[in-house]
Amino acid sequence: MKNTLLGSLYLSLAASIWGGMYVVVKHVVDFVPPLELVWIRYVIAIFALLIIGVVTKQSWRIEKRDLLLIIMIGLIGNTISIITQEVGTMLSTAQMGAIITSTTPAFMVLFARIILKEKITFKKATSIILATIGVAIIVGNAGIDPSLQLGGVSLLIAALTWGLMSVLIKRVPEQYSQIVVTCYTTLVAIVLLTPFTISRLPELDVQAMMHPSIWGGLLYLGVISTACAFLLWNRGLQMLNASSGGLFFFLQPIVGTFLGWVLLGEQIGLSFWIGTILIFIGVLLAIREE
């Protein structure tokens, strides 16, 4: 039960951080294009992870047999998922970004069944259905414009790939520190993105990036939303079943929609609070299932 509660706390914190991330990305992406933004946040994140790793005296050794898995996680989750997520957010709204990517738990249940052979119990299925209905109710009040379909497709790809990555994390041997795993998967993303990004960096508006709201947003995305949240998410998944852990992703639309309302003036109403209650009931059922 201690591991369940601690894992639940880690996953809740990570999902809440990512819910706030959509508001930050929506602001920063107007000045830093998605590809460059992902690369910059990862460079900031890897410095933060290296400092944490050195201070805590981590062992950086990875067995050869596990290298392919680490590379796949870096490619699928840290690269494809994050790029499609930020492109989708740029082409849509902060609410839409948080809501569509919250379909991730459904994909996690599917991949957990296929890859990890986890059983889909009645309580687990009920949890997902309740939380999904909650998200659907919130979506009904989000005022989503049909013209934002391309952004929606990109966000759906982000949800699918993140769900797959989250299940693959469960295949990583527990002997490895999550600090080390997160650092290596971040490094994979940097290596993959650098050839496409390096020639575009000089085109960035450096003067605009010196504004406190922009560099502050970049620091948030790199240190908090990437380094810290990835560590919390990966560690939490190690402590819970992948399909149950995925339910905490539903906290994203709550935080994302709420902050979109407070900071960006995006409208919410009674349906938001009804949807939020259903999401929390689904998450509580998942905790009891563990």
C-alpha atoms as a PDB file:
ATOM      1  CA  MET A   1       0.000   0.000   0.000  1.00  0.00           C
ATOM      2  CA  LYS A   2       2.915   2.364   0.728  1.00  0.00           C
ATOM      3  CA  ASN A   3       4.291   1.829  -2.787  1.00  0.00           C
ATOM      4  CA  THR A   4       0.817   2.320  -4.252  1.00  0.00           C
ATOM      5  CA  LEU A   5       0.322   5.650  -2.481  1.00  0.00           C
ATOM      6  CA  LEU A   6       3.843   6.843  -3.267  1.00  0.00           C
ATOM      7  CA  GLY A   7       3.531   5.777  -6.906  1.00  0.00           C
ATOM      8  CA  SER A   8       0.144   7.513  -7.090  1.00  0.00           C
ATOM      9  CA  LEU A   9       1.698  10.698  -5.711  1.00  0.00           C
ATOM     10  CA  TYR A  10       4.539  10.601  -8.256  1.00  0.00           C
ATOM     11  CA  LEU A  11       2.154  10.065 -11.168  1.00  0.00           C
ATOM     12  CA  SER A  12      -0.265  12.750  -9.945  1.00  0.00           C
ATOM     13  CA  LEU A  13       2.539  15.310  -9.670  1.00  0.00           C
ATOM     14  CA  ALA A  14       3.887  14.429 -13.128  1.00  0.00           C
ATOM     15  CA  ALA A  15       0.454  14.641 -14.773  1.00  0.00           C
ATOM     16  CA  SER A  16      -0.292  17.961 -13.028  1.00  0.00           C
ATOM     17  CA  ILE A  17       3.032  19.414 -14.202  1.00  0.00           C
ATOM     18  CA  TRP A  18       2.254  18.330 -17.778  1.00  0.00           C
ATOM     19  CA  GLY A  19      -1.226  19.827 -17.515  1.00  0.00           C
ATOM     20  CA  GLY A  20       0.397  23.188 -16.803  1.00  0.00           C
ATOM     21  CA  MET A  21       2.911  22.581 -19.578  1.00  0.00           C
ATOM     22  CA  TYR A  22       0.298  23.092 -22.305  1.00  0.00           C
ATOM     23  CA  VAL A  23      -0.289  26.672 -21.194  1.00  0.00           C
ATOM     24  CA  VAL A  24       3.473  27.360 -21.203  1.00  0.00           C
ATOM     25  CA  VAL A  25       3.982  25.709 -24.612  1.00  0.00           C
ATOM     26  CA  LYS A  26       1.048  27.683 -26.033  1.00  0.00           C
ATOM     27  CA  HIS A  27       2.850  30.897 -25.052  1.00  0.00           C
ATOM     28  CA  VAL A  28       6.457  29.959 -25.873  1.00  0.00           C
ATOM     29  CA  VAL A  29       5.742  28.243 -29.215  1.00  0.00           C
ATOM     30  CA  ASP A  30       4.778  31.633 -30.705  1.00  0.00           C
ATOM     31  CA  PHE A  31       8.454  32.594 -30.441  1.00  0.00           C
ATOM     32  CA  VAL A  32      10.245  29.217 -30.580  1.00  0.00           C
ATOM     33  CA  PRO A  33       8.988  26.725 -33.240  1.00  0.00           C
ATOM     34  CA  PRO A  34       8.098  23.202 -31.996  1.00  0.00           C
ATOM     35  CA  LEU A  35      11.205  21.361 -33.225  1.00  0.00           C
ATOM     36  CA  GLU A  36      13.613  23.913 -31.794  1.00  0.00           C
ATOM     37  CA  LEU A  37      11.540  24.096 -28.613  1.00  0.00           C
ATOM     38  CA  VAL A  38      11.786  20.336 -28.031  1.00  0.00           C
ATOM     39  CA  TRP A  39      15.555  20.412 -28.646  1.00  0.00           C
ATOM     40  CA  ILE A  40      16.133  23.359 -26.278  1.00  0.00           C
ATOM     41  CA  ARG A  41      14.027  21.864 -23.482  1.00  0.00           C
ATOM     42  CA  TYR A  42      15.939  18.579 -23.763  1.00  0.00           C
ATOM     43  CA  VAL A  43      19.328  20.310 -23.659  1.00  0.00           C
ATOM     44  CA  ILE A  44      18.223  22.142 -20.505  1.00  0.00           C
ATOM     45  CA  ALA A  45      16.793  18.906 -19.079  1.00  0.00           C
ATOM     46  CA  ILE A  46      19.913  16.828 -19.666  1.00  0.00           C
ATOM     47  CA  PHE A  47      22.079  19.337 -17.806  1.00  0.00           C
ATOM     48  CA  ALA A  48      19.637  19.172 -14.879  1.00  0.00           C
ATOM     49  CA  LEU A  49      19.622  15.350 -14.969  1.00  0.00           C
ATOM     50  CA  LEU A  50      23.421  15.137 -15.158  1.00  0.00           C
ATOM     51  CA  ILE A  51      23.759  17.409 -12.126  1.00  0.00           C
ATOM     52  CA  ILE A  52      21.243  15.301 -10.185  1.00  0.00           C
ATOM     53  CA  GLY A  53      22.991  12.098 -11.295  1.00  0.00           C
ATOM     54  CA  VAL A  54      26.470  13.318 -10.287  1.00  0.00           C
ATOM     55  CA  VAL A  55      25.293  14.686  -6.935  1.00  0.00           C
ATOM     56  CA  THR A  56      23.489  11.418  -6.093  1.00  0.00           C
ATOM     57  CA  LYS A  57      26.465   9.349  -7.397  1.00  0.00           C
ATOM     58  CA  GLN A  58      24.501   7.240  -9.861  1.00  0.00           C
ATOM     59  CA  SER A  59      25.972   4.291 -11.781  1.00  0.00           C
ATOM     60  CA  TRP A  60      25.763   5.136 -15.494  1.00  0.00           C
ATOM     61  CA  ARG A  61      26.379   1.608 -16.770  1.00  0.00           C
ATOM     62  CA  ILE A  62      23.706   0.051 -19.024  1.00  0.00           C
ATOM     63  CA  GLU A  63      23.962  -3.565 -20.189  1.00  0.00           C
ATOM     64  CA  LYS A  64      24.181  -4.036 -23.968  1.00  0.00           C
ATOM     65  CA  ARG A  65      21.047  -6.182 -24.001  1.00  0.00           C
ATOM     66  CA  ASP A  66      19.030  -3.220 -22.662  1.00  0.00           C
ATOM     67  CA  LEU A  67      20.381  -0.541 -25.000  1.00  0.00           C
ATOM     68  CA  LEU A  68      17.818  -1.173 -27.764  1.00  0.00           C
ATOM     69  CA  LEU A  69      14.964  -0.766 -25.273  1.00  0.00           C
ATOM     70  CA  ILE A  70      16.419   2.545 -24.036  1.00  0.00           C
ATOM     71  CA  ILE A  71      16.804   3.777 -27.626  1.00  0.00           C
ATOM     72  CA  MET A  72      13.205   2.786 -28.463  1.00  0.00           C
ATOM     73  CA  ILE A  73      11.895   4.658 -25.419  1.00  0.00           C
ATOM     74  CA  GLY A  74      13.909   7.729 -26.423  1.00  0.00           C
ATOM     75  CA  LEU A  75      12.677   7.544 -30.025  1.00  0.00           C
ATOM     76  CA  ILE A  76       9.003   6.794 -29.355  1.00  0.00           C
ATOM     77  CA  GLY A  77       8.374   8.775 -26.177  1.00  0.00           C
ATOM     78  CA  ASN A  78      10.974  11.518 -25.919  1.00  0.00           C
ATOM     79  CA  THR A  79      11.123  12.308 -29.637  1.00  0.00           C
ATOM     80  CA  ILE A  80       8.011  11.407 -31.663  1.00  0.00           C
ATOM     81  CA  SER A  81       5.489  11.890 -28.848  1.00  0.00           C
ATOM     82  CA  ILE A  82       6.842  15.217 -27.614  1.00  0.00           C
ATOM     83  CA  ILE A  83       7.239  16.722 -31.103  1.00  0.00           C
ATOM     84  CA  THR A  84       3.699  15.752 -32.162  1.00  0.00           C
ATOM     85  CA  GLN A  85       2.427  17.008 -28.811  1.00  0.00           C
ATOM     86  CA  GLU A  86       3.946  20.468 -29.247  1.00  0.00           C
ATOM     87  CA  VAL A  87       3.006  20.707 -32.936  1.00  0.00           C
ATOM     88  CA  GLY A  88      -0.548  19.748 -31.982  1.00  0.00           C
ATOM     89  CA  THR A  89      -0.637  22.319 -29.188  1.00  0.00           C
ATOM     90  CA  MET A  90       0.626  25.012 -31.578  1.00  0.00           C
ATOM     91  CA  LEU A  91      -2.153  24.171 -34.067  1.00  0.00           C
ATOM     92  CA  SER A  92      -4.906  23.936 -31.449  1.00  0.00           C
ATOM     93  CA  THR A  93      -5.623  25.244 -27.932  1.00  0.00           C
ATOM     94  CA  ALA A  94      -4.149  24.524 -24.515  1.00  0.00           C
ATOM     95  CA  GLN A  95      -7.422  22.823 -23.520  1.00  0.00           C
ATOM     96  CA  MET A  96      -7.476  20.664 -26.644  1.00  0.00           C
ATOM     97  CA  GLY A  97      -3.856  19.671 -26.062  1.00  0.00           C
ATOM     98  CA  ALA A  98      -4.494  18.535 -22.500  1.00  0.00           C
ATOM     99  CA  ILE A  99      -7.765  16.804 -23.370  1.00  0.00           C
ATOM    100  CA  ILE A 100      -6.784  14.791 -26.452  1.00  0.00           C
ATOM    101  CA  THR A 101      -3.498  13.569 -24.999  1.00  0.00           C
ATOM    102  CA  SER A 102      -5.456  12.393 -21.969  1.00  0.00           C
ATOM    103  CA  THR A 103      -6.606   9.497 -24.162  1.00  0.00           C
ATOM    104  CA  THR A 104      -3.163   8.063 -23.354  1.00  0.00           C
ATOM    105  CA  PRO A 105      -4.505   5.778 -20.553  1.00  0.00           C
ATOM    106  CA  ALA A 106      -6.721   3.924 -23.032  1.00  0.00           C
ATOM    107  CA  PHE A 107      -3.682   3.241 -25.220  1.00  0.00           C
ATOM    108  CA  MET A 108      -1.693   2.221 -22.134  1.00  0.00           C
ATOM    109  CA  VAL A 109      -4.325  -0.367 -21.196  1.00  0.00           C
ATOM    110  CA  LEU A 110      -4.203  -1.754 -24.736  1.00  0.00           C
ATOM    111  CA  PHE A 111      -0.390  -1.918 -24.902  1.00  0.00           C
ATOM    112  CA  ALA A 112      -0.163  -3.290 -21.338  1.00  0.00           C
ATOM    113  CA  ARG A 113      -2.473  -6.120 -22.379  1.00  0.00           C
ATOM    114  CA  ILE A 114      -0.479  -6.862 -25.567  1.00  0.00           C
ATOM    115  CA  ILE A 115       3.082  -6.373 -24.273  1.00  0.00           C
ATOM    116  CA  LEU A 116       2.896  -7.034 -20.516  1.00  0.00           C
ATOM    117  CA  LYS A 117      -0.100  -9.424 -20.534  1.00  0.00           C
ATOM    118  CA  GLU A 118      -1.806  -7.385 -17.798  1.00  0.00           C
ATOM    119  CA  LYS A 119      -5.424  -8.378 -17.187  1.00  0.00           C
ATOM    120  CA  ILE A 120      -8.186  -5.842 -17.727  1.00  0.00           C
ATOM    121  CA  THR A 121     -10.327  -6.286 -14.601  1.00  0.00           C
ATOM    122  CA  PHE A 122     -13.905  -5.041 -14.238  1.00  0.00           C
ATOM    123  CA  LYS A 123     -12.847  -2.343 -11.744  1.00  0.00           C
ATOM    124  CA  LYS A 124     -10.009  -1.203 -14.005  1.00  0.00           C
ATOM    125  CA  ALA A 125     -12.340  -1.029 -17.004  1.00  0.00           C
ATOM    126  CA  THR A 126     -14.890   0.915 -14.924  1.00  0.00           C
ATOM    127  CA  SER A 127     -12.179   3.354 -13.852  1.00  0.00           C
ATOM    128  CA  ILE A 128     -11.177   4.048 -17.447  1.00  0.00           C
ATOM    129  CA  ILE A 129     -14.789   4.400 -18.614  1.00  0.00           C
ATOM    130  CA  LEU A 130     -15.647   6.882 -15.816  1.00  0.00           C
ATOM    131  CA  ALA A 131     -12.526   8.959 -16.422  1.00  0.00           C
ATOM    132  CA  THR A 132     -13.083   8.904 -20.186  1.00  0.00           C
ATOM    133  CA  ILE A 133     -16.673  10.090 -19.736  1.00  0.00           C
ATOM    134  CA  GLY A 134     -15.300  12.855 -17.511  1.00  0.00           C
ATOM    135  CA  VAL A 135     -12.915  13.956 -20.260  1.00  0.00           C
ATOM    136  CA  ALA A 136     -15.730  13.769 -22.844  1.00  0.00           C
ATOM    137  CA  ILE A 137     -17.871  16.071 -20.699  1.00  0.00           C
ATOM    138  CA  ILE A 138     -15.004  18.554 -20.394  1.00  0.00           C
ATOM    139  CA  VAL A 139     -14.441  18.393 -24.162  1.00  0.00           C
ATOM    140  CA  GLY A 140     -18.106  19.207 -24.688  1.00  0.00           C
ATOM    141  CA  ASN A 141     -17.507  22.553 -23.028  1.00  0.00           C
ATOM    142  CA  ALA A 142     -14.100  23.270 -24.540  1.00  0.00           C
ATOM    143  CA  GLY A 143     -15.438  25.054 -27.615  1.00  0.00           C
ATOM    144  CA  ILE A 144     -13.161  23.093 -29.925  1.00  0.00           C
ATOM    145  CA  ASP A 145     -13.177  24.448 -33.475  1.00  0.00           C
ATOM    146  CA  PRO A 146     -13.445  21.778 -36.227  1.00  0.00           C
ATOM    147  CA  SER A 147     -10.775  23.706 -38.149  1.00  0.00           C
ATOM    148  CA  LEU A 148      -8.248  22.526 -35.560  1.00  0.00           C
ATOM    149  CA  GLN A 149      -8.418  18.922 -36.845  1.00  0.00           C
ATOM    150  CA  LEU A 150      -4.756  18.746 -37.924  1.00  0.00           C
ATOM    151  CA  GLY A 151      -3.679  19.724 -34.436  1.00  0.00           C
ATOM    152  CA  GLY A 152      -6.033  17.092 -33.045  1.00  0.00           C
ATOM    153  CA  VAL A 153      -4.526  14.346 -35.219  1.00  0.00           C
ATOM    154  CA  SER A 154      -1.025  15.349 -34.133  1.00  0.00           C
ATOM    155  CA  LEU A 155      -2.091  15.261 -30.478  1.00  0.00           C
ATOM    156  CA  LEU A 156      -3.662  11.820 -30.944  1.00  0.00           C
ATOM    157  CA  ILE A 157      -0.352  10.489 -32.324  1.00  0.00           C
ATOM    158  CA  ALA A 158       1.332  12.009 -29.275  1.00  0.00           C
ATOM    159  CA  ALA A 159      -1.090  10.160 -26.978  1.00  0.00           C
ATOM    160  CA  LEU A 160      -0.614   6.823 -28.751  1.00  0.00           C
ATOM    161  CA  THR A 161       3.199   6.999 -28.737  1.00  0.00           C
ATOM    162  CA  TRP A 162       3.324   8.175 -25.119  1.00  0.00           C
ATOM    163  CA  GLY A 163       1.097   5.253 -24.123  1.00  0.00           C
ATOM    164  CA  LEU A 164       3.467   2.833 -25.850  1.00  0.00           C
ATOM    165  CA  MET A 165       6.511   4.444 -24.261  1.00  0.00           C
ATOM    166  CA  SER A 166       4.933   4.281 -20.788  1.00  0.00           C
ATOM    167  CA  VAL A 167       4.395   0.537 -21.158  1.00  0.00           C
ATOM    168  CA  LEU A 168       7.928  -0.008 -22.492  1.00  0.00           C
ATOM    169  CA  ILE A 169       9.242   1.719 -19.352  1.00  0.00           C
ATOM    170  CA  LYS A 170       7.883  -1.266 -17.407  1.00  0.00           C
ATOM    171  CA  ARG A 171      10.279  -3.500 -19.365  1.00  0.00           C
ATOM    172  CA  VAL A 172      13.336  -1.595 -18.102  1.00  0.00           C
ATOM    173  CA  PRO A 173      15.089  -3.633 -15.358  1.00  0.00           C
ATOM    174  CA  GLU A 174      14.573  -2.130 -11.898  1.00  0.00           C
ATOM    175  CA  GLN A 175      18.331  -2.257 -11.234  1.00  0.00           C
ATOM    176  CA  TYR A 176      18.699   0.943 -13.260  1.00  0.00           C
ATOM    177  CA  SER A 177      18.070   4.302 -11.605  1.00  0.00           C
ATOM    178  CA  GLN A 178      15.274   6.283 -13.226  1.00  0.00           C
ATOM    179  CA  ILE A 179      17.631   9.270 -13.237  1.00  0.00           C
ATOM    180  CA  VAL A 180      20.025   7.325 -15.471  1.00  0.00           C
ATOM    181  CA  VAL A 181      17.247   5.911 -17.709  1.00  0.00           C
ATOM    182  CA  THR A 182      15.655   9.346 -18.141  1.00  0.00           C
ATOM    183  CA  CYS A 183      19.040  10.902 -18.894  1.00  0.00           C
ATOM    184  CA  TYR A 184      19.860   8.328 -21.588  1.00  0.00           C
ATOM    185  CA  THR A 185      16.425   8.519 -23.255  1.00  0.00           C
ATOM    186  CA  THR A 186      16.731  12.319 -23.275  1.00  0.00           C
ATOM    187  CA  LEU A 187      20.186  11.986 -24.845  1.00  0.00           C
ATOM    188  CA  VAL A 188      18.714   9.739 -27.558  1.00  0.00           C
ATOM    189  CA  ALA A 189      16.176  12.455 -28.389  1.00  0.00           C
ATOM    190  CA  ILE A 190      18.893  15.139 -28.543  1.00  0.00           C
ATOM    191  CA  VAL A 191      21.033  13.014 -30.882  1.00  0.00           C
ATOM    192  CA  LEU A 192      18.036  12.328 -33.166  1.00  0.00           C
ATOM    193  CA  LEU A 193      16.865  15.944 -33.250  1.00  0.00           C
ATOM    194  CA  THR A 194      20.198  17.779 -33.543  1.00  0.00           C
ATOM    195  CA  PRO A 195      20.718  17.176 -37.323  1.00  0.00           C
ATOM    196  CA  PHE A 196      17.262  18.665 -38.030  1.00  0.00           C
ATOM    197  CA  THR A 197      17.577  21.518 -35.548  1.00  0.00           C
ATOM    198  CA  ILE A 198      21.110  22.858 -35.540  1.00  0.00           C
ATOM    199  CA  SER A 199      20.814  24.794 -38.837  1.00  0.00           C
ATOM    200  CA  ARG A 200      17.548  26.405 -37.706  1.00  0.00           C
ATOM    201  CA  LEU A 201      18.778  27.732 -34.345  1.00  0.00           C
ATOM    202  CA  PRO A 202      20.377  30.919 -35.812  1.00  0.00           C
ATOM    203  CA  GLU A 203      16.941  31.895 -37.153  1.00  0.00           C
ATOM    204  CA  LEU A 204      15.487  32.199 -33.641  1.00  0.00           C
ATOM    205  CA  ASP A 205      14.590  35.662 -32.372  1.00  0.00           C
ATOM    206  CA  VAL A 206      17.161  35.928 -29.575  1.00  0.00           C
ATOM    207  CA  GLN A 207      15.849  39.295 -28.401  1.00  0.00           C
ATOM    208  CA  ALA A 208      12.334  37.896 -27.950  1.00  0.00           C
ATOM    209  CA  MET A 209      13.738  34.856 -26.133  1.00  0.00           C
ATOM    210  CA  MET A 210      15.399  37.163 -23.590  1.00  0.00           C
ATOM    211  CA  HIS A 211      11.977  38.173 -22.280  1.00  0.00           C
ATOM    212  CA  PRO A 212      11.470  36.714 -18.771  1.00  0.00           C
ATOM    213  CA  SER A 213       8.234  34.956 -19.772  1.00  0.00           C
ATOM    214  CA  ILE A 214      10.041  33.141 -22.630  1.00  0.00           C
ATOM    215  CA  TRP A 215      13.274  32.070 -20.928  1.00  0.00           C
ATOM    216  CA  GLY A 216      11.293  31.347 -17.776  1.00  0.00           C
ATOM    217  CA  GLY A 217       8.982  29.157 -19.848  1.00  0.00           C
ATOM    218  CA  LEU A 218      11.975  27.367 -21.379  1.00  0.00           C
ATOM    219  CA  LEU A 219      13.422  26.694 -17.926  1.00  0.00           C
ATOM    220  CA  TYR A 220      10.050  25.360 -16.760  1.00  0.00           C
ATOM    221  CA  LEU A 221       9.778  23.081 -19.794  1.00  0.00           C
ATOM    222  CA  GLY A 222      13.358  21.842 -19.454  1.00  0.00           C
ATOM    223  CA  VAL A 223      13.824  21.432 -15.705  1.00  0.00           C
ATOM    224  CA  ILE A 224      10.305  20.942 -14.309  1.00  0.00           C
ATOM    225  CA  SER A 225       8.236  19.560 -17.195  1.00  0.00           C
ATOM    226  CA  THR A 226      10.976  17.358 -18.664  1.00  0.00           C
ATOM    227  CA  ALA A 227      13.663  16.413 -16.118  1.00  0.00           C
ATOM    228  CA  CYS A 228      11.531  16.359 -12.950  1.00  0.00           C
ATOM    229  CA  ALA A 229       8.202  15.208 -14.446  1.00  0.00           C
ATOM    230  CA  PHE A 230       9.813  12.427 -16.509  1.00  0.00           C
ATOM    231  CA  LEU A 231      11.561  11.161 -13.375  1.00  0.00           C
ATOM    232  CA  LEU A 232       8.307  11.226 -11.389  1.00  0.00           C
ATOM    233  CA  TRP A 233       6.322   9.525 -14.181  1.00  0.00           C
ATOM    234  CA  ASN A 234       8.878   6.771 -14.821  1.00  0.00           C
ATOM    235  CA  ARG A 235       9.345   6.068 -11.109  1.00  0.00           C
ATOM    236  CA  GLY A 236       5.591   6.020 -10.490  1.00  0.00           C
ATOM    237  CA  LEU A 237       5.047   3.542 -13.320  1.00  0.00           C
ATOM    238  CA  GLN A 238       7.604   1.219 -11.744  1.00  0.00           C
ATOM    239  CA  MET A 239       5.452   1.114  -8.587  1.00  0.00           C
ATOM    240  CA  LEU A 240       2.033   0.466 -10.213  1.00  0.00           C
ATOM    241  CA  ASN A 241       0.581  -1.608 -13.038  1.00  0.00           C
ATOM    242  CA  ALA A 242       0.973   0.195 -16.352  1.00  0.00           C
ATOM    243  CA  SER A 243      -2.767   0.209 -17.079  1.00  0.00           C
ATOM    244  CA  SER A 244      -3.660   1.531 -13.606  1.00  0.00           C
ATOM    245  CA  GLY A 245      -0.841   4.064 -13.603  1.00  0.00           C
ATOM    246  CA  GLY A 246      -2.056   5.467 -16.895  1.00  0.00           C
ATOM    247  CA  LEU A 247      -5.264   6.693 -15.277  1.00  0.00           C
ATOM    248  CA  PHE A 248      -3.339   9.449 -13.526  1.00  0.00           C
ATOM    249  CA  PHE A 249      -2.779  10.964 -16.961  1.00  0.00           C
ATOM    250  CA  PHE A 250      -6.421  12.080 -16.747  1.00  0.00           C
ATOM    251  CA  LEU A 251      -5.312  14.752 -14.262  1.00  0.00           C
ATOM    252  CA  GLN A 252      -3.733  16.578 -17.209  1.00  0.00           C
ATOM    253  CA  PRO A 253      -6.990  17.944 -18.701  1.00  0.00           C
ATOM    254  CA  ILE A 254      -8.097  19.130 -15.271  1.00  0.00           C
ATOM    255  CA  VAL A 255      -4.939  21.166 -14.678  1.00  0.00           C
ATOM    256  CA  GLY A 256      -4.564  22.163 -18.343  1.00  0.00           C
ATOM    257  CA  THR A 257      -8.163  23.347 -18.698  1.00  0.00           C
ATOM    258  CA  PHE A 258      -8.137  25.138 -15.336  1.00  0.00           C
ATOM    259  CA  LEU A 259      -4.905  27.000 -16.105  1.00  0.00           C
ATOM    260  CA  GLY A 260      -6.133  27.731 -19.642  1.00  0.00           C
ATOM    261  CA  TRP A 261      -9.133  29.404 -18.010  1.00  0.00           C
ATOM    262  CA  VAL A 262      -7.085  31.334 -15.435  1.00  0.00           C
ATOM    263  CA  LEU A 263      -4.132  32.391 -17.613  1.00  0.00           C
ATOM    264  CA  LEU A 264      -5.365  32.337 -21.219  1.00  0.00           C
ATOM    265  CA  GLY A 265      -9.007  33.276 -20.770  1.00  0.00           C
ATOM    266  CA  GLU A 266     -10.284  29.973 -22.243  1.00  0.00           C
ATOM    267  CA  GLN A 267     -13.830  29.354 -21.036  1.00  0.00           C
ATOM    268  CA  ILE A 268     -14.986  26.576 -18.694  1.00  0.00           C
ATOM    269  CA  GLY A 269     -18.315  25.907 -17.036  1.00  0.00           C
ATOM    270  CA  LEU A 270     -20.253  23.437 -14.906  1.00  0.00           C
ATOM    271  CA  SER A 271     -19.372  20.560 -17.243  1.00  0.00           C
ATOM    272  CA  PHE A 272     -15.689  21.030 -16.354  1.00  0.00           C
ATOM    273  CA  TRP A 273     -16.384  20.397 -12.659  1.00  0.00           C
ATOM    274  CA  ILE A 274     -18.674  17.421 -13.376  1.00  0.00           C
ATOM    275  CA  GLY A 275     -16.013  15.917 -15.637  1.00  0.00           C
ATOM    276  CA  THR A 276     -13.345  16.554 -13.001  1.00  0.00           C
ATOM    277  CA  ILE A 277     -15.360  14.679 -10.341  1.00  0.00           C
ATOM    278  CA  LEU A 278     -15.769  11.664 -12.656  1.00  0.00           C
ATOM    279  CA  ILE A 279     -12.040  11.654 -13.427  1.00  0.00           C
ATOM    280  CA  PHE A 280     -11.178  11.684  -9.725  1.00  0.00           C
ATOM    281  CA  ILE A 281     -13.614   8.814  -9.046  1.00  0.00           C
ATOM    282  CA  GLY A 282     -11.910   6.819 -11.827  1.00  0.00           C
ATOM    283  CA  VAL A 283      -8.466   7.510 -10.365  1.00  0.00           C
ATOM    284  CA  LEU A 284      -9.580   6.551  -6.833  1.00  0.00           C
ATOM    285  CA  LEU A 285     -10.975   3.261  -8.142  1.00  0.00           C
ATOM    286  CA  ALA A 286      -7.607   2.585  -9.782  1.00  0.00           C
ATOM    287  CA  ILE A 287      -5.800   3.166  -6.481  1.00  0.00           C
ATOM    288  CA  ARG A 288      -8.173   0.781  -4.691  1.00  0.00           C
ATOM    289  CA  GLU A 289      -7.570  -1.804  -7.436  1.00  0.00           C
ATOM    290  CA  GLU A 290      -3.854  -1.773  -6.574  1.00  0.00           C
END
